[in-house]
Amino acid sequence: MIDTLLIVLVSILSGHSAVNIGKSKVVVFGGLVDKRFLSDVVVFDIDNKLWFQPECTGNGSNGQVGPGPRAFHIAVAIDCHMFIFGGRFGSRRLGDFWVLDTDIWQWSELTSFGDLPSPRDFAAASAIGNRKIVMYGGWDGKKWLSDVYVLDTSNFFAQAWGLSLEWMQLPVTGSVPPPRCGHTATMVEKRLLIYGGRENETPGWTQLKLPGQAPSSRCGHTITSGGHYLLLFGGHGTGGWLSRYDIYYNDTIILDRLSAQWKRLPIGNEPPPARAYHSMTCLGSLYLLFGGFDGKSTFGDIWWLVPEEDPIAKRYTESPPKVLPENKDVGMENYNSQFAVKESQRESSAIVELQKKLDISVSLSRPGLQIMDELEDEEFLELASRLMGAGVFSNGQVSRIQVLRDHWKKSTPRSIPIKELGPLLRDYQRLIARHLANLQSTELGLPGKEAYTFYHLKNSSQLHMVDIPKLLEEYKKLLAD
C-alpha cells in the first residue's frame, strides 16, 4: 500500500515538463498558467529542498536566449542535459529543438537534418540508454500522428563546428497502434511502452492485452518507471456519448513488469485531486507529483507518494488521541496546545525520516556552495568597518554587520558598487540558509514557497548588471522576514 503526503505550494502549472538531472535536481520547464504560456526554467534542489530560478544564457537562431514560451512539449534528460522539442504556443504547433546544459545553465538551439519531425504538441518521448531519444505520435493541428523518430544525441557537441544532428524516421512493422496524442512513452529494457492518448477513433487497448484491472482509456496522464513497476497516475478521458464533459482521474495503477499485469494500488489516505497534464518523477522509492489541470483550474501543489511501510507514512497518518480532558472549560486550551506540540514533533520527526529516505543531507549548503558565517567573511567585515569608519574593535562585530545590512537596505540598484556584489551575494545566501532553517522547525521542514533566483550562484562573477535590482529586492525582503 502507498501513502500520500502534501508538500508545499510553489506555482500553478499544467502542460509543463519535469525531468530528473542525476540525483540532485528536478528541472521544470514551460507550461501554461491561465492561458499564458511560459518559458521559465525552475529547479527543485533535492539536496536543500528548495526551489530556485537559474539565470540562463544562450543564443538561438533568432537571437533569443532560449526556447520561446510553450506547453505540451517533450523533454528528455540525458546526463546533465535537458532536450526540448516541439509543443504549442497559442494555437501554433512548434518544431524547434533545444538543449539546456544544467551545469552552466546555457541553452543551445540545435540544428538538424534527415527525416525532420513535423511541428507538433502532445507527443511522447523517452531516452534510450543515455544516448538516444525516441519520439512517437502527437498532434500537428490537423491530424493525430503515429510516426516514430530517433535522434542520436552523442555528438551534439559537434554543432560547435557547424555540424547538425540527424533525425531518423523508423519504419515500424507489426500491429501499429492508431495515431494518437496525449499518451505516454516509457522505455522498458529494449521496448518502448505506449499507453493511452487521444485517437481519431474511440480510445481503447491495442495489441498489448495484459491481465489485471487495466486503466480506463485516457490521455494527459503520467507513467513513471520505478524499480520493476511502472506507475500510472491521473489523466482524463471522455464521459461517453451522453456526456459533454471529460472525466478527470486520480487513480493510481501499477504495471508489474515481472508478472506482466496491472494492479490497482490501494492508497492509505486521501489522494491528490483528479488532474491531467501534470508531471511525475521518481526519486528512489518515492514519487514526486507536481501541478496539472482538472478542466477548470490549474494546480500548483506538490505531493509525495510514499510507501506505507516508510516511517513518515505511519507517523503522518496517525490519528489524534480520542480521550479528551474531563474539565472541558479549563482543560481544552491546554489540551489543544499540547496536541499541537505533539503533532508538530511528529511531523518534524516524519520529515527527518523523509530526508533519510531520500538520502538528503540536512545541511543547507549545496555541493560546491559553502555558506560562510559573517564572522568568517573577511571581505564582508572589512566593508562593514569602512562604513563605520576607523577605530572599530572586534567586540563591535555585531553592530558593524547590522550597519552594513542597513546600508544595503537603503541602497538602490544604481548605488551598489561592483566591489560590494560579492559580500552582498554571500549575505543574501546566508539569510536564505537561516530562513530555511527556521522553516524546518516551524513548517514541517519543507522550505521552498518562493524561488530564490540567485541562491545557486557560486560567486558574483555570474551576476549580470540586469540582475542587481532583483537581487536587491529579494535581499531586502529576506531582511524584512
Protein backbone atom coordinates (compact mmCIF):
# COMPACT_ATOMS: atom_id res chain seq x y z
CA MET A 1 0.00 0.00 0.00
CA ILE A 2 1.14 3.57 -0.69
CA ASP A 3 0.53 6.74 1.26
CA THR A 4 0.50 10.33 0.04
CA LEU A 5 1.86 13.48 1.64
CA LEU A 6 1.17 17.05 0.58
CA ILE A 7 4.34 19.10 0.49
CA VAL A 8 4.07 22.79 -0.45
CA LEU A 9 2.59 25.26 -2.91
CA VAL A 10 5.12 26.52 -5.47
CA SER A 11 3.45 27.65 -8.69
CA ILE A 12 0.35 26.92 -10.74
CA LEU A 13 1.22 24.95 -13.85
CA SER A 14 -0.08 22.46 -16.38
CA GLY A 15 1.38 21.26 -19.64
CA HIS A 16 4.90 21.74 -18.29
CA SER A 17 7.75 19.24 -18.33
CA ALA A 18 9.83 17.97 -15.41
CA VAL A 19 12.96 15.83 -15.70
CA ASN A 20 15.41 14.40 -13.17
CA ILE A 21 19.00 15.53 -13.61
CA GLY A 22 21.07 12.98 -11.69
CA LYS A 23 20.04 12.72 -8.05
CA SER A 24 20.46 16.39 -7.24
CA LYS A 25 17.72 18.29 -9.06
CA VAL A 26 14.40 18.25 -10.87
CA VAL A 27 14.21 20.76 -13.74
CA VAL A 28 10.79 22.14 -14.69
CA PHE A 29 10.31 23.99 -17.99
CA GLY A 30 7.46 25.91 -19.62
CA GLY A 31 3.81 25.23 -19.06
CA LEU A 32 0.53 27.06 -19.00
CA VAL A 33 -0.91 29.43 -16.38
CA ASP A 34 -4.36 30.89 -17.01
CA LYS A 35 -3.96 30.68 -20.81
CA ARG A 36 -0.49 32.26 -20.55
CA PHE A 37 2.37 30.21 -21.96
CA LEU A 38 5.69 30.25 -20.07
CA SER A 39 9.35 29.77 -20.96
CA ASP A 40 10.65 29.75 -17.37
CA VAL A 41 13.17 27.27 -16.00
CA VAL A 42 12.56 26.46 -12.32
CA VAL A 43 14.65 23.93 -10.41
CA PHE A 44 13.95 21.89 -7.29
CA ASP A 45 17.23 21.41 -5.41
CA ILE A 46 16.76 17.95 -3.89
CA ASP A 47 19.73 18.29 -1.52
CA ASN A 48 18.48 21.51 0.08
CA LYS A 49 14.74 21.07 -0.55
CA LEU A 50 14.25 24.47 -2.16
CA TRP A 51 13.21 25.93 -5.49
CA PHE A 52 15.42 28.35 -7.40
CA GLN A 53 15.23 30.02 -10.78
CA PRO A 54 18.61 29.99 -12.57
CA GLU A 55 19.68 32.81 -14.85
CA CYS A 56 20.05 31.03 -18.19
CA THR A 57 22.19 32.19 -21.08
CA GLY A 58 22.21 31.15 -24.72
CA ASN A 59 21.76 32.33 -28.25
CA GLY A 60 19.19 30.92 -30.64
CA SER A 61 18.88 31.36 -34.39
CA ASN A 62 16.71 34.45 -33.93
CA GLY A 63 18.84 35.92 -31.16
CA GLN A 64 16.66 34.63 -28.31
CA VAL A 65 18.30 33.23 -25.18
CA GLY A 66 16.30 30.01 -25.06
CA PRO A 67 13.10 28.35 -26.26
CA GLY A 68 10.04 30.54 -26.58
CA PRO A 69 7.02 30.08 -24.31
CA ARG A 70 5.24 26.74 -24.79
CA ALA A 71 3.36 23.85 -23.24
CA PHE A 72 2.70 20.20 -24.10
CA HIS A 73 6.23 19.75 -25.48
CA ILE A 74 8.57 16.80 -24.93
CA ALA A 75 11.52 16.92 -22.53
CA VAL A 76 14.15 14.22 -22.14
CA ALA A 77 17.15 14.20 -19.77
CA ILE A 78 20.48 12.74 -20.86
CA ASP A 79 23.39 13.23 -18.42
CA CYS A 80 23.27 16.88 -17.31
CA HIS A 81 21.35 17.98 -20.43
CA MET A 82 17.62 18.55 -20.92
CA PHE A 83 16.44 18.25 -24.53
CA ILE A 84 13.25 20.08 -25.55
CA PHE A 85 11.27 19.59 -28.77
CA GLY A 86 8.01 21.00 -30.10
CA GLY A 87 4.98 21.92 -28.07
CA ARG A 88 2.35 24.56 -28.53
CA PHE A 89 2.26 28.36 -28.25
CA GLY A 90 -1.29 29.66 -28.53
CA SER A 91 -2.77 27.76 -31.47
CA ARG A 92 0.60 27.30 -33.19
CA ARG A 93 2.49 23.99 -33.08
CA LEU A 94 6.26 24.25 -32.69
CA GLY A 95 9.05 22.23 -34.26
CA ASP A 96 12.20 23.77 -32.80
CA PHE A 97 14.78 21.74 -30.88
CA TRP A 98 16.80 22.94 -27.87
CA VAL A 99 19.15 21.60 -25.21
CA LEU A 100 19.86 23.07 -21.76
CA ASP A 101 23.23 22.36 -20.13
CA THR A 102 22.29 22.33 -16.44
CA ASP A 103 25.92 22.54 -15.28
CA ILE A 104 26.26 26.08 -16.66
CA TRP A 105 22.55 26.84 -17.35
CA GLN A 106 23.12 27.55 -21.02
CA TRP A 107 20.59 26.98 -23.81
CA SER A 108 21.65 25.91 -27.31
CA GLU A 109 19.32 25.69 -30.28
CA LEU A 110 20.03 22.51 -32.20
CA THR A 111 20.02 22.34 -35.98
CA SER A 112 19.15 19.03 -37.53
CA PHE A 113 18.62 17.30 -40.86
CA GLY A 114 17.35 13.99 -42.14
CA ASP A 115 13.75 12.92 -41.61
CA LEU A 116 12.68 16.03 -39.71
CA PRO A 117 9.63 15.62 -37.47
CA SER A 118 6.76 17.94 -38.26
CA PRO A 119 5.83 20.58 -35.66
CA ARG A 120 3.59 19.02 -33.03
CA ASP A 121 2.35 19.02 -29.46
CA PHE A 122 1.23 16.24 -27.11
CA ALA A 123 3.92 13.88 -28.46
CA ALA A 124 5.67 11.43 -26.13
CA ALA A 125 9.38 10.65 -25.91
CA SER A 126 11.87 8.67 -23.88
CA ALA A 127 15.63 8.23 -23.62
CA ILE A 128 17.19 5.05 -24.97
CA GLY A 129 20.07 4.30 -22.65
CA ASN A 130 21.98 7.51 -22.07
CA ARG A 131 22.40 8.46 -25.68
CA LYS A 132 19.34 8.38 -27.96
CA ILE A 133 15.88 9.94 -27.92
CA VAL A 134 12.85 8.16 -29.37
CA MET A 135 9.65 10.13 -30.04
CA TYR A 136 6.22 8.81 -31.01
CA GLY A 137 2.99 10.41 -32.19
CA GLY A 138 1.44 13.76 -31.31
CA TRP A 139 -0.94 16.27 -32.87
CA ASP A 140 0.09 18.63 -35.69
CA GLY A 141 -3.03 20.80 -35.53
CA LYS A 142 -4.86 18.84 -38.22
CA LYS A 143 -4.34 15.15 -37.54
CA TRP A 144 -3.17 12.64 -34.95
CA LEU A 145 0.26 11.15 -35.69
CA SER A 146 1.73 7.67 -35.38
CA ASP A 147 5.26 8.26 -36.67
CA VAL A 148 8.37 7.19 -34.75
CA TYR A 149 11.62 9.22 -34.78
CA VAL A 150 15.02 8.54 -33.24
CA LEU A 151 17.81 11.05 -32.62
CA ASP A 152 21.37 10.19 -31.52
CA THR A 153 22.49 12.96 -29.14
CA SER A 154 26.00 11.64 -28.54
CA ASN A 155 27.60 14.05 -30.99
CA PHE A 156 25.53 17.18 -30.46
CA PHE A 157 28.71 18.94 -29.25
CA ALA A 158 29.83 18.74 -32.89
CA GLN A 159 27.47 21.62 -33.62
CA ALA A 160 30.25 23.94 -32.47
CA TRP A 161 31.93 23.01 -35.75
CA GLY A 162 28.79 23.67 -37.77
CA LEU A 163 27.56 20.07 -37.83
CA SER A 164 23.94 19.08 -37.34
CA LEU A 165 22.11 16.20 -35.72
CA GLU A 166 20.24 13.69 -37.82
CA TRP A 167 16.67 12.61 -37.17
CA MET A 168 15.71 9.18 -38.48
CA GLN A 169 12.14 8.06 -39.00
CA LEU A 170 11.85 4.40 -38.10
CA PRO A 171 9.86 2.02 -40.27
CA VAL A 172 7.53 0.12 -37.96
CA THR A 173 6.27 -3.39 -38.52
CA GLY A 174 3.66 -5.45 -36.74
CA SER A 175 0.35 -4.24 -35.38
CA VAL A 176 0.74 -0.46 -35.47
CA PRO A 177 -1.23 1.48 -32.82
CA PRO A 178 -3.73 4.04 -34.16
CA PRO A 179 -2.42 7.64 -34.40
CA ARG A 180 -2.69 9.42 -31.06
CA CYS A 181 -1.65 12.35 -28.86
CA GLY A 182 -1.52 12.97 -25.09
CA HIS A 183 -0.15 9.46 -24.49
CA THR A 184 2.97 8.35 -22.61
CA ALA A 185 6.10 6.61 -23.86
CA THR A 186 8.29 4.63 -21.44
CA MET A 187 11.36 2.56 -22.20
CA VAL A 188 11.22 -0.90 -20.62
CA GLU A 189 14.58 -2.52 -21.32
CA LYS A 190 14.68 -2.55 -25.15
CA ARG A 191 10.98 -1.96 -25.68
CA LEU A 192 9.00 1.26 -25.89
CA LEU A 193 5.71 1.00 -23.98
CA ILE A 194 2.98 3.30 -25.34
CA TYR A 195 -0.15 3.80 -23.26
CA GLY A 196 -3.34 5.80 -23.72
CA GLY A 197 -3.75 9.08 -25.53
CA ARG A 198 -6.45 10.54 -27.73
CA GLU A 199 -7.23 8.95 -31.08
CA ASN A 200 -9.44 9.59 -34.09
CA GLU A 201 -11.40 6.53 -33.03
CA THR A 202 -12.77 5.67 -29.60
CA PRO A 203 -9.75 5.25 -27.30
CA GLY A 204 -9.05 1.62 -26.47
CA TRP A 205 -6.41 -1.02 -25.90
CA THR A 206 -4.43 -2.22 -28.91
CA GLN A 207 -2.24 -5.27 -29.30
CA LEU A 208 -0.89 -5.44 -25.74
CA LYS A 209 -3.55 -7.12 -23.59
CA LEU A 210 -2.43 -7.66 -20.02
CA PRO A 211 -4.28 -9.35 -17.15
CA GLY A 212 -5.46 -7.44 -14.11
CA GLN A 213 -7.51 -4.27 -13.65
CA ALA A 214 -6.43 -2.29 -16.70
CA PRO A 215 -6.77 1.52 -16.55
CA SER A 216 -9.63 3.15 -18.39
CA SER A 217 -8.79 4.88 -21.67
CA ARG A 218 -7.27 8.30 -21.04
CA CYS A 219 -4.78 10.98 -22.08
CA GLY A 220 -2.75 13.60 -20.20
CA HIS A 221 -1.70 11.00 -17.60
CA THR A 222 1.82 10.11 -16.45
CA ILE A 223 3.60 6.77 -16.40
CA THR A 224 6.75 6.76 -14.30
CA SER A 225 9.26 3.93 -14.08
CA GLY A 226 10.50 2.86 -10.64
CA GLY A 227 12.14 -0.49 -9.92
CA HIS A 228 10.17 -3.26 -11.59
CA TYR A 229 6.98 -1.19 -11.54
CA LEU A 230 5.50 1.34 -13.93
CA LEU A 231 3.23 3.73 -12.03
CA LEU A 232 0.31 5.42 -13.78
CA PHE A 233 -1.45 8.42 -12.25
CA GLY A 234 -4.28 10.68 -13.35
CA GLY A 235 -5.24 11.82 -16.83
CA HIS A 236 -8.62 12.44 -18.41
CA GLY A 237 -11.00 10.69 -20.77
CA THR A 238 -14.39 11.23 -22.33
CA GLY A 239 -17.51 10.69 -20.27
CA GLY A 240 -19.20 8.79 -23.09
CA TRP A 241 -21.66 9.85 -25.76
CA LEU A 242 -24.20 11.06 -23.17
CA SER A 243 -21.71 13.42 -21.51
CA ARG A 244 -20.40 16.74 -22.77
CA TYR A 245 -17.57 16.75 -20.27
CA ASP A 246 -14.28 14.96 -19.76
CA ILE A 247 -13.71 12.83 -16.67
CA TYR A 248 -10.51 13.53 -14.73
CA TYR A 249 -8.85 10.75 -12.76
CA ASN A 250 -6.78 10.50 -9.58
CA ASP A 251 -6.41 6.72 -9.51
CA THR A 252 -3.00 5.12 -9.01
CA ILE A 253 -2.31 1.98 -11.03
CA ILE A 254 0.88 -0.01 -11.41
CA LEU A 255 2.09 -2.33 -14.12
CA ASP A 256 4.18 -5.07 -12.56
CA ARG A 257 6.84 -5.84 -15.14
CA LEU A 258 7.68 -9.19 -13.50
CA SER A 259 4.16 -10.61 -13.54
CA ALA A 260 3.15 -8.50 -16.60
CA GLN A 261 -0.18 -7.46 -15.12
CA TRP A 262 -1.98 -4.32 -13.98
CA LYS A 263 -2.72 -3.77 -10.30
CA ARG A 264 -4.80 -1.12 -8.57
CA LEU A 265 -2.68 0.48 -5.87
CA PRO A 266 -4.53 0.84 -2.55
CA ILE A 267 -3.96 4.27 -1.02
CA GLY A 268 -3.82 4.78 2.74
CA ASN A 269 -5.30 8.28 2.77
CA GLU A 270 -6.99 10.84 0.54
CA PRO A 271 -5.16 11.03 -2.84
CA PRO A 272 -4.41 14.29 -4.67
CA PRO A 273 -7.35 15.84 -6.54
CA ALA A 274 -8.02 14.43 -10.02
CA ARG A 275 -5.92 16.03 -12.75
CA ALA A 276 -4.16 15.70 -16.12
CA TYR A 277 -1.08 17.29 -17.75
CA HIS A 278 0.87 17.16 -14.51
CA SER A 279 4.40 15.79 -14.06
CA MET A 280 5.61 12.81 -12.02
CA THR A 281 9.26 11.97 -11.32
CA CYS A 282 10.73 9.04 -9.41
CA LEU A 283 13.28 9.60 -6.61
CA GLY A 284 14.38 6.24 -5.24
CA SER A 285 11.25 4.50 -3.92
CA LEU A 286 9.33 7.79 -3.76
CA TYR A 287 7.42 9.70 -6.45
CA LEU A 288 7.09 13.49 -6.77
CA LEU A 289 3.86 14.84 -8.33
CA PHE A 290 3.63 18.48 -9.44
CA GLY A 291 0.93 20.67 -10.99
CA GLY A 292 -1.74 19.73 -13.50
CA PHE A 293 -5.21 20.76 -14.72
CA ASP A 294 -8.70 19.43 -13.84
CA GLY A 295 -10.74 21.01 -16.62
CA LYS A 296 -11.40 24.18 -14.61
CA SER A 297 -8.31 25.07 -12.59
CA THR A 298 -4.56 24.62 -12.78
CA PHE A 299 -2.73 23.23 -9.74
CA GLY A 300 0.49 24.30 -8.07
CA ASP A 301 0.58 21.67 -5.36
CA ILE A 302 3.34 19.13 -4.81
CA TRP A 303 2.73 15.63 -3.44
CA TRP A 304 5.00 12.78 -2.38
CA LEU A 305 3.85 9.22 -2.94
CA VAL A 306 5.42 7.30 -0.04
CA PRO A 307 5.45 3.52 0.69
CA GLU A 308 3.21 2.68 3.65
CA GLU A 309 6.00 0.88 5.49
CA ASP A 310 8.02 4.07 5.37
CA PRO A 311 8.15 5.69 8.85
CA ILE A 312 6.92 9.01 7.51
CA ALA A 313 3.72 7.41 6.20
CA LYS A 314 2.99 5.79 9.56
CA ARG A 315 3.65 8.96 11.50
CA TYR A 316 1.75 11.26 9.21
CA THR A 317 -1.44 9.16 9.18
CA GLU A 318 -1.61 8.62 12.93
CA SER A 319 -4.96 9.81 14.25
CA PRO A 320 -5.07 12.20 17.24
CA PRO A 321 -5.89 10.76 20.65
CA LYS A 322 -9.62 10.33 21.26
CA VAL A 323 -9.55 10.85 25.06
CA LEU A 324 -10.41 14.46 25.88
CA PRO A 325 -9.85 16.20 29.22
CA GLU A 326 -12.67 15.82 31.73
CA ASN A 327 -12.88 19.54 32.53
CA LYS A 328 -13.60 20.91 29.05
CA ASP A 329 -13.75 24.56 30.08
CA VAL A 330 -10.38 24.60 31.81
CA GLY A 331 -8.51 21.84 30.05
CA MET A 332 -9.40 22.25 26.36
CA GLU A 333 -7.00 25.12 25.64
CA ASN A 334 -4.21 23.23 27.44
CA TYR A 335 -5.10 20.05 25.55
CA ASN A 336 -5.08 21.82 22.18
CA SER A 337 -1.72 23.36 22.97
CA GLN A 338 -0.21 20.01 23.99
CA PHE A 339 -1.69 18.26 20.97
CA ALA A 340 -0.32 20.95 18.63
CA VAL A 341 3.17 20.48 20.09
CA LYS A 342 2.97 16.68 19.77
CA GLU A 343 1.63 16.99 16.22
CA SER A 344 4.46 19.36 15.31
CA GLN A 345 7.03 16.99 16.83
CA ARG A 346 5.53 14.01 14.99
CA GLU A 347 5.53 15.87 11.67
CA SER A 348 9.06 17.18 12.23
CA SER A 349 10.25 13.65 13.00
CA ALA A 350 8.45 12.39 9.90
CA ILE A 351 10.28 14.93 7.75
CA VAL A 352 13.61 13.75 9.14
CA GLU A 353 12.59 10.23 8.13
CA LEU A 354 11.77 11.50 4.63
CA GLN A 355 15.13 13.24 4.39
CA LYS A 356 16.87 9.99 5.30
CA LYS A 357 14.73 8.05 2.82
CA LEU A 358 15.67 10.46 0.05
CA ASP A 359 19.31 10.39 1.15
CA ILE A 360 19.13 14.17 1.62
CA SER A 361 21.65 15.94 3.78
CA VAL A 362 20.14 18.35 6.28
CA SER A 363 22.97 20.75 5.55
CA LEU A 364 21.71 23.84 3.77
CA SER A 365 24.95 24.25 1.84
CA ARG A 366 24.70 22.55 -1.52
CA PRO A 367 27.77 20.86 -3.04
CA GLY A 368 30.11 23.49 -4.39
CA LEU A 369 28.38 26.29 -2.47
CA GLN A 370 29.72 26.95 1.02
CA ILE A 371 27.60 29.18 3.25
CA MET A 372 30.15 31.25 5.15
CA ASP A 373 29.37 32.77 8.54
CA GLU A 374 29.59 36.57 8.79
CA LEU A 375 32.49 36.40 11.25
CA GLU A 376 34.48 34.30 8.76
CA ASP A 377 33.70 36.53 5.78
CA GLU A 378 36.67 38.90 5.87
CA GLU A 379 35.59 40.91 2.83
CA PHE A 380 32.14 41.38 4.37
CA LEU A 381 33.59 42.54 7.72
CA GLU A 382 36.12 44.84 6.05
CA LEU A 383 33.38 46.52 4.05
CA ALA A 384 31.31 46.94 7.23
CA SER A 385 34.29 48.50 9.03
CA ARG A 386 34.85 51.02 6.24
CA LEU A 387 31.22 52.08 6.50
CA MET A 388 31.55 52.61 10.28
CA GLY A 389 34.90 54.36 9.99
CA ALA A 390 38.18 53.76 11.79
CA GLY A 391 38.51 52.69 15.41
CA VAL A 392 36.09 49.74 15.35
CA PHE A 393 37.23 46.91 17.64
CA SER A 394 36.44 43.21 17.48
CA ASN A 395 33.65 43.46 20.06
CA GLY A 396 31.81 45.69 17.61
CA GLN A 397 31.39 42.98 15.02
CA VAL A 398 27.65 42.53 15.57
CA SER A 399 26.96 46.23 15.26
CA ARG A 400 29.03 46.67 12.10
CA ILE A 401 27.22 43.71 10.50
CA GLN A 402 23.95 45.48 11.18
CA VAL A 403 25.34 48.74 9.80
CA LEU A 404 26.23 47.03 6.53
CA ARG A 405 22.82 45.40 6.23
CA ASP A 406 21.12 48.72 6.95
CA HIS A 407 23.30 50.25 4.24
CA TRP A 408 22.10 47.71 1.66
CA LYS A 409 18.53 48.02 2.92
CA LYS A 410 18.60 51.70 1.98
CA SER A 411 20.57 51.24 -1.25
CA THR A 412 19.23 51.40 -4.77
CA PRO A 413 20.47 49.16 -7.61
CA ARG A 414 22.37 52.05 -9.20
CA SER A 415 24.15 52.89 -5.94
CA ILE A 416 25.65 49.40 -5.41
CA PRO A 417 29.36 49.39 -6.43
CA ILE A 418 30.65 46.29 -8.20
CA LYS A 419 33.05 45.57 -5.30
CA GLU A 420 30.04 45.16 -2.96
CA LEU A 421 28.35 42.48 -5.07
CA GLY A 422 30.42 39.60 -3.67
CA PRO A 423 29.68 40.35 0.02
CA LEU A 424 26.06 41.16 -0.85
CA LEU A 425 25.54 37.85 -2.69
CA ARG A 426 27.09 35.84 0.16
CA ASP A 427 24.98 37.61 2.78
CA TYR A 428 21.89 37.01 0.62
CA GLN A 429 22.71 33.28 0.59
CA ARG A 430 23.35 33.33 4.36
CA LEU A 431 19.94 34.87 5.02
CA ILE A 432 18.26 32.26 2.81
CA ALA A 433 20.02 29.43 4.67
CA ARG A 434 18.83 30.79 8.03
CA HIS A 435 15.35 31.46 6.71
CA LEU A 436 15.14 27.85 5.56
CA ALA A 437 16.49 26.60 8.87
CA ASN A 438 13.65 28.44 10.63
CA LEU A 439 11.13 26.94 8.22
CA GLN A 440 12.46 23.49 9.02
CA SER A 441 11.46 23.91 12.65
CA THR A 442 8.13 25.67 12.05
CA GLU A 443 6.80 24.45 8.70
CA LEU A 444 7.46 20.71 8.60
CA GLY A 445 10.99 21.22 7.28
CA LEU A 446 9.64 21.88 3.80
CA PRO A 447 11.09 25.18 2.54
CA GLY A 448 10.53 26.34 -0.96
CA LYS A 449 7.42 28.53 -1.02
CA GLU A 450 9.47 31.02 -3.00
CA ALA A 451 12.04 30.51 -5.72
CA TYR A 452 15.28 32.25 -4.76
CA THR A 453 16.72 33.47 -8.03
CA PHE A 454 20.42 33.68 -7.13
CA TYR A 455 20.86 31.14 -4.34
CA HIS A 456 22.65 28.68 -6.65
CA LEU A 457 25.35 31.12 -7.85
CA LYS A 458 28.88 30.28 -6.73
CA ASN A 459 30.26 33.83 -6.98
CA SER A 460 29.32 37.34 -8.05
CA SER A 461 31.03 36.98 -11.44
CA GLN A 462 27.94 35.02 -12.50
CA LEU A 463 25.76 38.08 -11.92
CA HIS A 464 24.78 40.44 -14.73
CA MET A 465 24.04 44.14 -14.27
CA VAL A 466 20.37 43.50 -15.01
CA ASP A 467 20.31 41.05 -12.06
CA ILE A 468 21.15 43.65 -9.41
CA PRO A 469 17.62 45.09 -8.98
CA LYS A 470 16.16 41.60 -8.50
CA LEU A 471 18.98 40.57 -6.14
CA LEU A 472 18.49 43.68 -4.02
CA GLU A 473 14.71 43.24 -3.98
CA GLU A 474 14.98 39.64 -2.71
CA TYR A 475 17.69 40.64 -0.20
CA LYS A 476 15.53 43.39 1.31
CA LYS A 477 12.59 41.00 1.60
CA LEU A 478 14.83 38.49 3.44
CA LEU A 479 15.91 41.25 5.84
CA ALA A 480 12.26 42.12 6.48
CA ASP A 481 11.43 38.48 7.19
